[in-house]
């Protein structure tokens, strides 16, 4: 069944990541210290970890069901991609919001020299902004969100090799996702840094076990 191709590896990898988080929390019991608006950091942490999982499983189901079976178009009609895209960016925005809330609730759980902190935030900001600019300028956010799973004409477009894509085939996951570390650095939050690391690794799980097989199918192993 094409819908589940390589998904055993996806969920095994996810299980290992969650196990790694569990072990980390057991080793350092102070990671979940703090609260925000009378909501404990533990609750913000659970939300901040759960939302990326929901987001990426949502993308998996939508991409595969449309790519191989045209299920969304058959059910929703011509607005299938538009509806998917709205939900995609809502979930993406929620990921960022809850990560910021988590970082704020867990602030100052590690110490970082102010100069080092400023330099790191500046470098990561410049790199991630350039990555997002390159996606918008040369690739387009619709295509980045998976338009080629819905639109056959988009599949005829050449691979992008401009902007940040001149240096890496996957500028979005390699560099744009560095922005997820910014709330943790800004608030000096252990929990937020841990979630950012989880999100960064988990997006590569998505790449290898969902996106790459799909791209090989779409672009006939030219990806």
N, C-alpha and C. Protein backbone atom coordinates (compact mmCIF):
# COMPACT_ATOMS: atom_id res chain seq x y z
N UNK A 1 0.85 -1.20 0.00
CA UNK A 1 0.00 0.00 0.00
C UNK A 1 0.88 1.24 0.00
N UNK A 2 0.76 2.06 -1.04
CA UNK A 2 1.62 3.21 -1.22
C UNK A 2 1.50 4.23 -0.09
N UNK A 3 0.31 4.34 0.49
CA UNK A 3 0.10 5.29 1.58
C UNK A 3 1.06 5.05 2.74
N UNK A 4 1.41 3.80 2.97
CA UNK A 4 2.24 3.43 4.12
C UNK A 4 3.69 3.11 3.75
N UNK A 5 4.09 3.40 2.52
CA UNK A 5 5.46 3.10 2.11
C UNK A 5 6.47 3.78 3.03
N UNK A 6 7.37 3.00 3.61
CA UNK A 6 8.44 3.43 4.51
C UNK A 6 7.93 4.03 5.83
N UNK A 7 6.64 3.91 6.10
CA UNK A 7 6.11 4.52 7.33
C UNK A 7 6.45 3.72 8.58
N UNK A 8 6.77 2.45 8.42
CA UNK A 8 7.25 1.69 9.57
C UNK A 8 8.53 2.34 10.10
N UNK A 9 9.42 2.74 9.19
CA UNK A 9 10.67 3.40 9.58
C UNK A 9 10.37 4.76 10.19
N UNK A 10 9.39 5.44 9.63
CA UNK A 10 8.97 6.74 10.17
C UNK A 10 8.58 6.60 11.63
N UNK A 11 7.69 5.68 11.94
CA UNK A 11 7.17 5.58 13.30
C UNK A 11 8.17 4.92 14.26
N UNK A 12 9.05 4.08 13.74
CA UNK A 12 10.13 3.57 14.57
C UNK A 12 11.09 4.69 14.95
N UNK A 13 11.39 5.55 13.98
CA UNK A 13 12.26 6.70 14.25
C UNK A 13 11.62 7.64 15.24
N UNK A 14 10.32 7.88 15.08
CA UNK A 14 9.59 8.73 16.00
C UNK A 14 9.62 8.15 17.42
N UNK A 15 9.42 6.84 17.52
CA UNK A 15 9.46 6.18 18.82
C UNK A 15 10.83 6.35 19.48
N UNK A 16 11.89 6.24 18.70
CA UNK A 16 13.25 6.42 19.23
C UNK A 16 13.47 7.86 19.69
N UNK A 17 12.95 8.81 18.93
CA UNK A 17 13.08 10.22 19.31
C UNK A 17 12.35 10.49 20.62
N UNK A 18 11.14 9.95 20.74
CA UNK A 18 10.37 10.15 21.97
C UNK A 18 11.04 9.45 23.15
N UNK A 19 11.63 8.30 22.89
CA UNK A 19 12.38 7.61 23.93
C UNK A 19 13.58 8.46 24.37
N UNK A 20 14.24 9.07 23.40
CA UNK A 20 15.37 9.94 23.71
C UNK A 20 14.94 11.12 24.57
N UNK A 21 13.78 11.69 24.27
CA UNK A 21 13.25 12.79 25.09
C UNK A 21 12.96 12.30 26.50
N UNK A 22 12.34 11.12 26.60
CA UNK A 22 11.99 10.56 27.91
C UNK A 22 13.25 10.35 28.76
N UNK A 23 14.28 9.77 28.16
CA UNK A 23 15.53 9.52 28.88
C UNK A 23 16.17 10.84 29.30
N UNK A 24 16.16 11.83 28.40
CA UNK A 24 16.74 13.14 28.72
C UNK A 24 16.03 13.78 29.91
N UNK A 25 14.70 13.69 29.92
CA UNK A 25 13.93 14.27 31.03
C UNK A 25 14.20 13.54 32.34
N UNK A 26 14.46 12.23 32.25
CA UNK A 26 14.78 11.46 33.45
C UNK A 26 16.16 11.83 34.00
N UNK A 27 17.10 12.08 33.09
CA UNK A 27 18.46 12.43 33.50
C UNK A 27 18.50 13.83 34.11
N UNK A 28 17.83 14.77 33.46
CA UNK A 28 17.81 16.16 33.94
C UNK A 28 16.38 16.52 34.33
N UNK A 29 16.04 16.36 35.59
CA UNK A 29 14.67 16.58 36.05
C UNK A 29 14.31 18.06 36.11
N UNK A 30 15.28 18.94 35.94
CA UNK A 30 15.01 20.37 36.00
C UNK A 30 14.63 20.96 34.65
N UNK A 31 14.66 20.15 33.60
CA UNK A 31 14.33 20.65 32.26
C UNK A 31 12.92 21.22 32.21
N UNK A 32 11.99 20.62 32.93
CA UNK A 32 10.59 21.06 32.89
C UNK A 32 10.24 22.04 34.00
N UNK A 33 11.23 22.75 34.49
CA UNK A 33 11.00 23.75 35.53
C UNK A 33 10.27 24.96 34.96
N UNK A 34 9.33 25.52 35.73
CA UNK A 34 8.71 26.79 35.37
C UNK A 34 7.24 26.69 35.03
N UNK A 35 6.66 27.85 34.70
CA UNK A 35 5.24 27.92 34.32
C UNK A 35 4.99 29.24 33.59
N UNK A 36 3.86 29.31 32.91
CA UNK A 36 3.43 30.53 32.22
C UNK A 36 1.92 30.60 32.32
N UNK A 37 1.40 31.72 32.83
CA UNK A 37 -0.04 31.89 33.02
C UNK A 37 -0.64 30.76 33.86
N UNK A 38 0.10 30.36 34.88
CA UNK A 38 -0.32 29.30 35.80
C UNK A 38 -0.42 27.92 35.14
N UNK A 39 0.15 27.81 33.97
CA UNK A 39 0.23 26.52 33.27
C UNK A 39 1.67 26.04 33.37
N UNK A 40 1.86 24.86 33.92
CA UNK A 40 3.21 24.35 34.13
C UNK A 40 3.93 24.07 32.81
N UNK A 41 5.25 24.16 32.86
CA UNK A 41 6.08 23.92 31.68
C UNK A 41 5.82 22.53 31.09
N UNK A 42 5.55 21.55 31.94
CA UNK A 42 5.29 20.20 31.46
C UNK A 42 4.16 20.17 30.44
N UNK A 43 3.10 20.94 30.71
CA UNK A 43 1.95 20.98 29.79
C UNK A 43 2.35 21.65 28.46
N UNK A 44 3.07 22.78 28.55
CA UNK A 44 3.53 23.45 27.33
C UNK A 44 4.46 22.53 26.54
N UNK A 45 5.29 21.78 27.25
CA UNK A 45 6.23 20.87 26.60
C UNK A 45 5.48 19.78 25.83
N UNK A 46 4.47 19.18 26.45
CA UNK A 46 3.69 18.13 25.80
C UNK A 46 3.01 18.65 24.53
N UNK A 47 2.47 19.86 24.61
CA UNK A 47 1.86 20.46 23.43
C UNK A 47 2.90 20.73 22.35
N UNK A 48 4.05 21.27 22.76
CA UNK A 48 5.09 21.65 21.80
C UNK A 48 5.68 20.43 21.09
N UNK A 49 5.66 19.27 21.73
CA UNK A 49 6.14 18.04 21.10
C UNK A 49 5.03 17.40 20.26
N UNK A 50 3.79 17.46 20.73
CA UNK A 50 2.68 16.79 20.05
C UNK A 50 2.30 17.46 18.73
N UNK A 51 2.34 18.79 18.70
CA UNK A 51 1.89 19.51 17.49
C UNK A 51 2.73 19.18 16.26
N UNK A 52 4.08 19.14 16.35
CA UNK A 52 4.86 18.73 15.18
C UNK A 52 4.50 17.33 14.67
N UNK A 53 4.18 16.43 15.60
CA UNK A 53 3.79 15.08 15.20
C UNK A 53 2.47 15.12 14.43
N UNK A 54 1.50 15.85 14.98
CA UNK A 54 0.20 16.00 14.30
C UNK A 54 0.39 16.64 12.93
N UNK A 55 1.23 17.67 12.89
CA UNK A 55 1.48 18.39 11.63
C UNK A 55 2.06 17.47 10.56
N UNK A 56 3.08 16.71 10.93
CA UNK A 56 3.75 15.88 9.93
C UNK A 56 2.94 14.66 9.54
N UNK A 57 2.16 14.12 10.45
CA UNK A 57 1.27 13.00 10.09
C UNK A 57 0.14 13.52 9.19
N UNK A 58 -0.33 14.72 9.47
CA UNK A 58 -1.34 15.35 8.61
C UNK A 58 -0.82 15.49 7.18
N UNK A 59 0.42 15.98 7.06
CA UNK A 59 1.03 16.14 5.73
C UNK A 59 1.18 14.78 5.06
N UNK A 60 1.65 13.80 5.79
CA UNK A 60 1.79 12.44 5.25
C UNK A 60 0.48 11.93 4.66
N UNK A 61 -0.59 12.02 5.44
CA UNK A 61 -1.89 11.49 4.99
C UNK A 61 -2.38 12.25 3.77
N UNK A 62 -2.28 13.58 3.81
CA UNK A 62 -2.76 14.39 2.68
C UNK A 62 -1.93 14.15 1.42
N UNK A 63 -0.62 14.18 1.57
CA UNK A 63 0.26 13.98 0.41
C UNK A 63 0.03 12.63 -0.24
N UNK A 64 0.11 11.59 0.55
CA UNK A 64 0.03 10.24 -0.03
C UNK A 64 -1.36 9.93 -0.58
N UNK A 65 -2.41 10.34 0.13
CA UNK A 65 -3.77 10.04 -0.34
C UNK A 65 -4.08 10.78 -1.63
N UNK A 66 -3.50 11.98 -1.79
CA UNK A 66 -3.74 12.73 -3.02
C UNK A 66 -2.84 12.26 -4.15
N UNK A 67 -1.57 12.03 -3.83
CA UNK A 67 -0.61 11.64 -4.87
C UNK A 67 -0.98 10.32 -5.53
N UNK A 68 -1.37 9.34 -4.75
CA UNK A 68 -1.60 8.00 -5.29
C UNK A 68 -3.07 7.69 -5.58
N UNK A 69 -3.99 8.41 -4.90
CA UNK A 69 -5.41 8.06 -5.05
C UNK A 69 -6.31 9.24 -5.40
N UNK A 70 -5.75 10.46 -5.44
CA UNK A 70 -6.55 11.67 -5.67
C UNK A 70 -7.74 11.79 -4.72
N UNK A 71 -7.54 11.28 -3.51
CA UNK A 71 -8.65 11.20 -2.56
C UNK A 71 -9.21 12.55 -2.16
N UNK A 72 -8.32 13.52 -1.88
CA UNK A 72 -8.80 14.82 -1.42
C UNK A 72 -9.57 15.56 -2.51
N UNK A 73 -9.07 15.48 -3.74
CA UNK A 73 -9.75 16.13 -4.85
C UNK A 73 -11.11 15.48 -5.11
N UNK A 74 -11.17 14.18 -4.99
CA UNK A 74 -12.44 13.48 -5.19
C UNK A 74 -13.47 13.85 -4.12
N UNK A 75 -12.99 14.06 -2.90
CA UNK A 75 -13.90 14.36 -1.79
C UNK A 75 -14.25 15.84 -1.72
N UNK A 76 -13.21 16.70 -1.84
CA UNK A 76 -13.40 18.14 -1.64
C UNK A 76 -13.63 18.89 -2.94
N UNK A 77 -12.97 18.41 -4.00
CA UNK A 77 -13.09 19.09 -5.28
C UNK A 77 -11.88 19.97 -5.58
N UNK A 78 -12.07 20.99 -6.40
CA UNK A 78 -10.96 21.80 -6.90
C UNK A 78 -10.27 22.63 -5.81
N UNK A 79 -10.91 22.78 -4.66
CA UNK A 79 -10.32 23.57 -3.58
C UNK A 79 -9.55 22.70 -2.59
N UNK A 80 -9.28 21.46 -2.95
CA UNK A 80 -8.61 20.52 -2.04
C UNK A 80 -7.26 21.06 -1.57
N UNK A 81 -6.44 21.53 -2.50
CA UNK A 81 -5.12 22.01 -2.10
C UNK A 81 -5.22 23.26 -1.24
N UNK A 82 -6.13 24.16 -1.57
CA UNK A 82 -6.30 25.40 -0.81
C UNK A 82 -6.66 25.10 0.64
N UNK A 83 -7.57 24.16 0.83
CA UNK A 83 -7.99 23.79 2.19
C UNK A 83 -6.84 23.12 2.94
N UNK A 84 -6.15 22.22 2.25
CA UNK A 84 -4.97 21.57 2.83
C UNK A 84 -3.93 22.61 3.23
N UNK A 85 -3.70 23.59 2.35
CA UNK A 85 -2.66 24.60 2.57
C UNK A 85 -2.99 25.47 3.80
N UNK A 86 -4.24 25.84 3.94
CA UNK A 86 -4.66 26.64 5.10
C UNK A 86 -4.38 25.87 6.39
N UNK A 87 -4.78 24.61 6.42
CA UNK A 87 -4.54 23.78 7.60
C UNK A 87 -3.05 23.60 7.85
N UNK A 88 -2.29 23.44 6.76
CA UNK A 88 -0.83 23.26 6.87
C UNK A 88 -0.20 24.44 7.58
N UNK A 89 -0.53 25.65 7.14
CA UNK A 89 0.11 26.83 7.72
C UNK A 89 -0.45 27.17 9.10
N UNK A 90 -1.69 26.82 9.38
CA UNK A 90 -2.22 26.98 10.73
C UNK A 90 -1.43 26.11 11.70
N UNK A 91 -1.22 24.85 11.34
CA UNK A 91 -0.45 23.94 12.19
C UNK A 91 0.99 24.41 12.34
N UNK A 92 1.56 24.92 11.25
CA UNK A 92 2.94 25.42 11.31
C UNK A 92 3.04 26.61 12.26
N UNK A 93 2.05 27.52 12.17
CA UNK A 93 2.04 28.69 13.05
C UNK A 93 1.86 28.28 14.51
N UNK A 94 0.99 27.30 14.76
CA UNK A 94 0.76 26.82 16.12
C UNK A 94 2.04 26.22 16.70
N UNK A 95 2.80 25.53 15.87
CA UNK A 95 4.09 24.98 16.32
C UNK A 95 4.98 26.08 16.87
N UNK A 96 5.07 27.18 16.14
CA UNK A 96 5.93 28.28 16.54
C UNK A 96 5.41 28.94 17.82
N UNK A 97 4.10 29.18 17.86
CA UNK A 97 3.49 29.85 19.02
C UNK A 97 3.71 29.04 20.29
N UNK A 98 3.46 27.74 20.23
CA UNK A 98 3.61 26.92 21.44
C UNK A 98 5.08 26.75 21.83
N UNK A 99 5.97 26.81 20.85
CA UNK A 99 7.40 26.76 21.18
C UNK A 99 7.82 28.02 21.92
N UNK A 100 7.28 29.16 21.50
CA UNK A 100 7.56 30.43 22.20
C UNK A 100 6.98 30.41 23.61
N UNK A 101 5.75 29.93 23.74
CA UNK A 101 5.14 29.82 25.07
C UNK A 101 5.97 28.91 25.98
N UNK A 102 6.42 27.79 25.42
CA UNK A 102 7.25 26.86 26.19
C UNK A 102 8.54 27.52 26.65
N UNK A 103 9.21 28.21 25.74
CA UNK A 103 10.46 28.87 26.07
C UNK A 103 10.26 29.91 27.16
N UNK A 104 9.17 30.64 27.06
CA UNK A 104 8.88 31.67 28.05
C UNK A 104 8.60 31.05 29.42
N UNK A 105 7.87 29.95 29.45
CA UNK A 105 7.55 29.30 30.72
C UNK A 105 8.78 28.68 31.38
N UNK A 106 9.76 28.35 30.55
CA UNK A 106 10.95 27.61 31.01
C UNK A 106 12.21 28.49 30.97
N UNK A 107 12.02 29.80 30.97
CA UNK A 107 13.12 30.74 30.75
C UNK A 107 14.20 30.66 31.84
N UNK A 108 15.42 30.92 31.40
CA UNK A 108 16.60 30.97 32.26
C UNK A 108 16.87 29.65 32.99
N UNK A 109 16.69 28.55 32.28
CA UNK A 109 17.05 27.24 32.85
C UNK A 109 18.46 26.82 32.45
N UNK A 110 19.12 27.64 31.62
CA UNK A 110 20.56 27.49 31.41
C UNK A 110 21.14 28.88 31.20
N UNK A 111 22.42 29.02 31.43
CA UNK A 111 23.07 30.32 31.33
C UNK A 111 23.91 30.39 30.06
N UNK A 112 23.76 31.51 29.36
CA UNK A 112 24.50 31.71 28.13
C UNK A 112 25.07 33.13 28.16
N UNK A 113 26.35 33.24 27.89
CA UNK A 113 26.98 34.56 27.81
C UNK A 113 26.21 35.45 26.83
N UNK A 114 25.93 36.68 27.23
CA UNK A 114 25.10 37.58 26.42
C UNK A 114 25.70 37.82 25.03
N UNK A 115 27.02 37.93 24.96
CA UNK A 115 27.67 38.16 23.67
C UNK A 115 27.49 36.93 22.77
N UNK A 116 27.76 35.75 23.32
CA UNK A 116 27.59 34.51 22.55
C UNK A 116 26.14 34.35 22.12
N UNK A 117 25.23 34.63 23.04
CA UNK A 117 23.80 34.54 22.76
C UNK A 117 23.41 35.45 21.60
N UNK A 118 23.87 36.69 21.63
CA UNK A 118 23.54 37.67 20.58
C UNK A 118 24.10 37.24 19.23
N UNK A 119 25.33 36.74 19.24
CA UNK A 119 25.96 36.30 17.99
C UNK A 119 25.22 35.10 17.40
N UNK A 120 24.88 34.14 18.25
CA UNK A 120 24.16 32.95 17.78
C UNK A 120 22.80 33.33 17.20
N UNK A 121 22.07 34.19 17.91
CA UNK A 121 20.75 34.61 17.45
C UNK A 121 20.87 35.36 16.12
N UNK A 122 21.89 36.21 16.00
CA UNK A 122 22.09 36.96 14.76
C UNK A 122 22.40 36.03 13.59
N UNK A 123 23.35 35.11 13.79
CA UNK A 123 23.75 34.21 12.71
C UNK A 123 22.58 33.32 12.27
N UNK A 124 21.89 32.73 13.25
CA UNK A 124 20.76 31.85 12.92
C UNK A 124 19.65 32.63 12.23
N UNK A 125 19.41 33.86 12.69
CA UNK A 125 18.36 34.69 12.08
C UNK A 125 18.68 35.00 10.63
N UNK A 126 19.92 35.39 10.36
CA UNK A 126 20.33 35.73 8.99
C UNK A 126 20.20 34.51 8.08
N UNK A 127 20.69 33.37 8.55
CA UNK A 127 20.64 32.15 7.73
C UNK A 127 19.21 31.72 7.46
N UNK A 128 18.38 31.70 8.50
CA UNK A 128 17.00 31.22 8.33
C UNK A 128 16.17 32.20 7.51
N UNK A 129 16.40 33.51 7.67
CA UNK A 129 15.68 34.51 6.86
C UNK A 129 16.05 34.34 5.39
N UNK A 130 17.34 34.14 5.12
CA UNK A 130 17.77 33.93 3.73
C UNK A 130 17.16 32.65 3.17
N UNK A 131 17.06 31.63 4.00
CA UNK A 131 16.46 30.36 3.56
C UNK A 131 14.98 30.56 3.22
N UNK A 132 14.25 31.24 4.10
CA UNK A 132 12.83 31.49 3.83
C UNK A 132 12.65 32.40 2.62
N UNK A 133 13.54 33.39 2.47
CA UNK A 133 13.49 34.25 1.29
C UNK A 133 13.70 33.44 0.02
N UNK A 134 14.68 32.54 0.05
CA UNK A 134 14.98 31.71 -1.12
C UNK A 134 13.80 30.82 -1.48
N UNK A 135 13.14 30.27 -0.45
CA UNK A 135 11.96 29.45 -0.69
C UNK A 135 10.88 30.28 -1.37
N UNK A 136 10.62 31.47 -0.84
CA UNK A 136 9.58 32.33 -1.41
C UNK A 136 9.96 32.81 -2.81
N UNK A 137 11.21 33.23 -2.98
CA UNK A 137 11.64 33.86 -4.24
C UNK A 137 11.79 32.86 -5.37
N UNK A 138 12.39 31.71 -5.11
CA UNK A 138 12.74 30.79 -6.18
C UNK A 138 11.89 29.52 -6.22
N UNK A 139 11.25 29.22 -5.11
CA UNK A 139 10.55 27.94 -5.01
C UNK A 139 9.05 28.13 -4.82
N UNK A 140 8.69 29.03 -3.94
CA UNK A 140 7.29 29.29 -3.65
C UNK A 140 6.80 28.46 -2.48
N UNK A 141 6.08 29.09 -1.57
CA UNK A 141 5.60 28.39 -0.38
C UNK A 141 4.58 27.31 -0.72
N UNK A 142 3.82 27.50 -1.79
CA UNK A 142 2.85 26.48 -2.17
C UNK A 142 3.55 25.20 -2.61
N UNK A 143 4.58 25.36 -3.41
CA UNK A 143 5.33 24.20 -3.87
C UNK A 143 6.06 23.54 -2.70
N UNK A 144 6.57 24.37 -1.79
CA UNK A 144 7.26 23.84 -0.61
C UNK A 144 6.31 23.04 0.27
N UNK A 145 5.04 23.43 0.28
CA UNK A 145 4.05 22.74 1.10
C UNK A 145 3.51 21.47 0.43
N UNK A 146 3.90 21.24 -0.84
CA UNK A 146 3.51 20.00 -1.49
C UNK A 146 2.55 20.14 -2.65
N UNK A 147 2.60 21.28 -3.36
CA UNK A 147 1.70 21.49 -4.49
C UNK A 147 1.87 20.43 -5.57
N UNK A 148 3.09 19.91 -5.72
CA UNK A 148 3.33 18.90 -6.76
C UNK A 148 2.61 17.58 -6.46
N UNK A 149 2.12 17.40 -5.26
CA UNK A 149 1.32 16.21 -4.95
C UNK A 149 -0.11 16.36 -5.48
N UNK A 150 -0.49 17.61 -5.74
CA UNK A 150 -1.86 17.91 -6.16
C UNK A 150 -1.96 18.32 -7.63
N UNK A 151 -0.93 18.98 -8.14
CA UNK A 151 -0.99 19.58 -9.48
C UNK A 151 0.05 18.92 -10.39
N UNK A 152 -0.42 18.25 -11.41
CA UNK A 152 0.46 17.54 -12.35
C UNK A 152 1.37 18.52 -13.08
N UNK A 153 0.89 19.72 -13.38
CA UNK A 153 1.69 20.69 -14.13
C UNK A 153 2.92 21.14 -13.35
N UNK A 154 2.80 21.21 -12.04
CA UNK A 154 3.92 21.64 -11.20
C UNK A 154 5.05 20.62 -11.27
N UNK A 155 4.72 19.39 -11.53
CA UNK A 155 5.73 18.33 -11.59
C UNK A 155 6.66 18.48 -12.79
N UNK A 156 6.27 19.32 -13.74
CA UNK A 156 7.09 19.55 -14.92
C UNK A 156 8.15 20.62 -14.69
N UNK A 157 8.04 21.35 -13.57
CA UNK A 157 9.00 22.41 -13.28
C UNK A 157 10.36 21.82 -12.92
N UNK A 158 11.44 22.50 -13.31
CA UNK A 158 12.78 21.99 -12.98
C UNK A 158 13.09 22.16 -11.50
N UNK A 159 14.05 21.39 -11.02
CA UNK A 159 14.49 21.55 -9.64
C UNK A 159 15.18 22.90 -9.48
N UNK A 160 14.98 23.55 -8.35
CA UNK A 160 15.51 24.89 -8.10
C UNK A 160 16.97 24.80 -7.64
N UNK A 161 17.82 25.62 -8.27
CA UNK A 161 19.24 25.64 -7.90
C UNK A 161 19.73 27.07 -7.73
N UNK A 162 18.84 27.94 -7.22
CA UNK A 162 19.18 29.33 -6.97
C UNK A 162 19.00 29.65 -5.49
N UNK A 163 19.56 30.81 -5.08
CA UNK A 163 19.45 31.18 -3.68
C UNK A 163 20.16 30.16 -2.81
N UNK A 164 19.55 29.82 -1.70
CA UNK A 164 20.17 28.86 -0.78
C UNK A 164 20.21 27.46 -1.37
N UNK A 165 19.36 27.21 -2.38
CA UNK A 165 19.33 25.89 -3.03
C UNK A 165 20.56 25.67 -3.91
N UNK A 166 21.36 26.73 -4.10
CA UNK A 166 22.60 26.59 -4.83
C UNK A 166 23.62 25.80 -4.00
N UNK A 167 23.45 25.84 -2.67
CA UNK A 167 24.39 25.21 -1.77
C UNK A 167 23.90 23.89 -1.20
N UNK A 168 22.61 23.69 -1.22
CA UNK A 168 22.02 22.45 -0.71
C UNK A 168 20.70 22.19 -1.41
N UNK A 169 20.39 20.93 -1.63
CA UNK A 169 19.14 20.57 -2.29
C UNK A 169 17.95 20.87 -1.40
N UNK A 170 18.14 20.79 -0.09
CA UNK A 170 17.03 20.98 0.84
C UNK A 170 17.35 22.12 1.80
N UNK A 171 17.25 23.35 1.30
CA UNK A 171 17.53 24.52 2.11
C UNK A 171 16.53 24.73 3.22
N UNK A 172 15.29 24.28 2.99
CA UNK A 172 14.23 24.48 3.99
C UNK A 172 14.55 23.73 5.28
N UNK A 173 14.83 22.45 5.17
CA UNK A 173 15.05 21.64 6.37
C UNK A 173 16.44 21.87 6.97
N UNK A 174 17.42 22.10 6.10
CA UNK A 174 18.78 22.28 6.59
C UNK A 174 18.96 23.60 7.31
N UNK A 175 18.43 24.69 6.73
CA UNK A 175 18.71 26.02 7.26
C UNK A 175 17.49 26.76 7.82
N UNK A 176 16.36 26.71 7.15
CA UNK A 176 15.20 27.46 7.64
C UNK A 176 14.75 26.97 9.01
N UNK A 177 14.87 25.66 9.24
CA UNK A 177 14.43 25.09 10.51
C UNK A 177 15.34 25.48 11.67
N UNK A 178 16.48 26.11 11.40
CA UNK A 178 17.31 26.63 12.48
C UNK A 178 16.56 27.68 13.29
N UNK A 179 15.56 28.30 12.68
CA UNK A 179 14.77 29.32 13.38
C UNK A 179 14.06 28.76 14.60
N UNK A 180 13.83 27.45 14.63
CA UNK A 180 13.15 26.85 15.78
C UNK A 180 14.00 26.91 17.05
N UNK A 181 15.30 27.14 16.90
CA UNK A 181 16.16 27.24 18.08
C UNK A 181 16.13 28.63 18.70
N UNK A 182 15.61 29.61 17.97
CA UNK A 182 15.66 31.00 18.45
C UNK A 182 14.91 31.24 19.75
N UNK A 183 13.67 30.74 19.93
CA UNK A 183 12.99 30.97 21.22
C UNK A 183 13.78 30.41 22.39
N UNK A 184 14.33 29.21 22.22
CA UNK A 184 15.11 28.60 23.30
C UNK A 184 16.36 29.39 23.63
N UNK A 185 17.03 29.92 22.61
CA UNK A 185 18.22 30.74 22.83
C UNK A 185 17.85 32.07 23.47
N UNK A 186 16.80 32.68 22.97
CA UNK A 186 16.39 34.00 23.48
C UNK A 186 16.02 33.94 24.96
N UNK A 187 15.22 32.93 25.32
CA UNK A 187 14.78 32.79 26.71
C UNK A 187 15.72 31.91 27.55
N UNK A 188 16.76 31.37 26.91
CA UNK A 188 17.70 30.45 27.59
C UNK A 188 16.92 29.30 28.24
N UNK A 189 16.16 28.62 27.40
CA UNK A 189 15.25 27.56 27.86
C UNK A 189 15.73 26.19 27.41
N UNK A 190 16.01 25.32 28.36
CA UNK A 190 16.41 23.95 28.04
C UNK A 190 15.30 23.21 27.30
N UNK A 191 14.09 23.35 27.80
CA UNK A 191 12.97 22.61 27.22
C UNK A 191 12.73 23.01 25.77
N UNK A 192 12.81 24.29 25.47
CA UNK A 192 12.59 24.78 24.10
C UNK A 192 13.68 24.31 23.16
N UNK A 193 14.92 24.29 23.65
CA UNK A 193 16.03 23.79 22.83
C UNK A 193 15.83 22.30 22.53
N UNK A 194 15.37 21.56 23.53
CA UNK A 194 15.11 20.12 23.34
C UNK A 194 14.02 19.90 22.30
N UNK A 195 12.95 20.67 22.36
CA UNK A 195 11.86 20.54 21.39
C UNK A 195 12.34 20.96 20.00
N UNK A 196 13.15 22.00 19.92
CA UNK A 196 13.69 22.44 18.63
C UNK A 196 14.55 21.35 18.01
N UNK A 197 15.36 20.70 18.83
CA UNK A 197 16.20 19.60 18.35
C UNK A 197 15.34 18.44 17.87
N UNK A 198 14.31 18.11 18.65
CA UNK A 198 13.38 17.06 18.25
C UNK A 198 12.74 17.40 16.91
N UNK A 199 12.25 18.63 16.77
CA UNK A 199 11.58 19.05 15.53
C UNK A 199 12.52 19.01 14.34
N UNK A 200 13.78 19.40 14.58
CA UNK A 200 14.75 19.43 13.48
C UNK A 200 15.08 18.01 13.00
N UNK A 201 15.26 17.11 13.94
CA UNK A 201 15.54 15.72 13.56
C UNK A 201 14.30 15.08 12.94
N UNK A 202 13.14 15.37 13.51
CA UNK A 202 11.91 14.74 13.04
C UNK A 202 11.54 15.20 11.62
N UNK A 203 11.89 16.42 11.24
CA UNK A 203 11.59 16.87 9.88
C UNK A 203 12.44 16.10 8.87
N UNK A 204 13.64 15.66 9.31
CA UNK A 204 14.46 14.83 8.43
C UNK A 204 13.93 13.41 8.34
N UNK A 205 13.29 12.96 9.41
CA UNK A 205 12.58 11.67 9.34
C UNK A 205 11.49 11.76 8.28
N UNK A 206 10.75 12.87 8.29
CA UNK A 206 9.73 13.12 7.27
C UNK A 206 10.35 13.13 5.87
N UNK A 207 11.51 13.76 5.75
CA UNK A 207 12.15 13.84 4.45
C UNK A 207 12.52 12.46 3.90
N UNK A 208 13.19 11.67 4.71
CA UNK A 208 13.72 10.40 4.22
C UNK A 208 12.62 9.34 4.01
N UNK A 209 11.58 9.37 4.81
CA UNK A 209 10.59 8.29 4.75
C UNK A 209 9.25 8.69 4.15
N UNK A 210 9.07 9.99 3.89
CA UNK A 210 7.84 10.43 3.21
C UNK A 210 8.17 11.24 1.96
N UNK A 211 8.87 12.35 2.15
CA UNK A 211 9.08 13.26 1.03
C UNK A 211 9.98 12.68 -0.05
N UNK A 212 11.10 12.12 0.32
CA UNK A 212 12.03 11.60 -0.70
C UNK A 212 11.42 10.48 -1.54
N UNK A 213 10.74 9.49 -0.93
CA UNK A 213 10.07 8.49 -1.76
C UNK A 213 9.02 9.10 -2.69
N UNK A 214 8.30 10.11 -2.19
CA UNK A 214 7.29 10.78 -3.02
C UNK A 214 7.95 11.51 -4.18
N UNK A 215 9.06 12.21 -3.91
CA UNK A 215 9.75 12.96 -4.96
C UNK A 215 10.33 12.02 -6.02
N UNK A 216 10.83 10.87 -5.57
CA UNK A 216 11.34 9.89 -6.53
C UNK A 216 10.23 9.38 -7.45
N UNK A 217 9.05 9.24 -6.89
CA UNK A 217 7.89 8.80 -7.68
C UNK A 217 7.45 9.93 -8.65
N UNK A 218 7.36 11.13 -8.12
CA UNK A 218 6.89 12.27 -8.92
C UNK A 218 7.86 12.61 -10.04
N UNK A 219 9.14 12.66 -9.70
CA UNK A 219 10.16 13.10 -10.66
C UNK A 219 10.95 11.94 -11.28
N UNK A 220 10.40 10.73 -11.11
CA UNK A 220 10.97 9.55 -11.74
C UNK A 220 12.45 9.37 -11.40
N UNK A 221 12.71 9.39 -10.09
CA UNK A 221 14.06 9.14 -9.54
C UNK A 221 15.10 10.19 -9.95
N UNK A 222 14.65 11.36 -10.38
CA UNK A 222 15.58 12.45 -10.72
C UNK A 222 15.81 13.36 -9.55
N UNK A 223 15.07 13.16 -8.46
CA UNK A 223 15.15 14.06 -7.30
C UNK A 223 16.43 13.81 -6.50
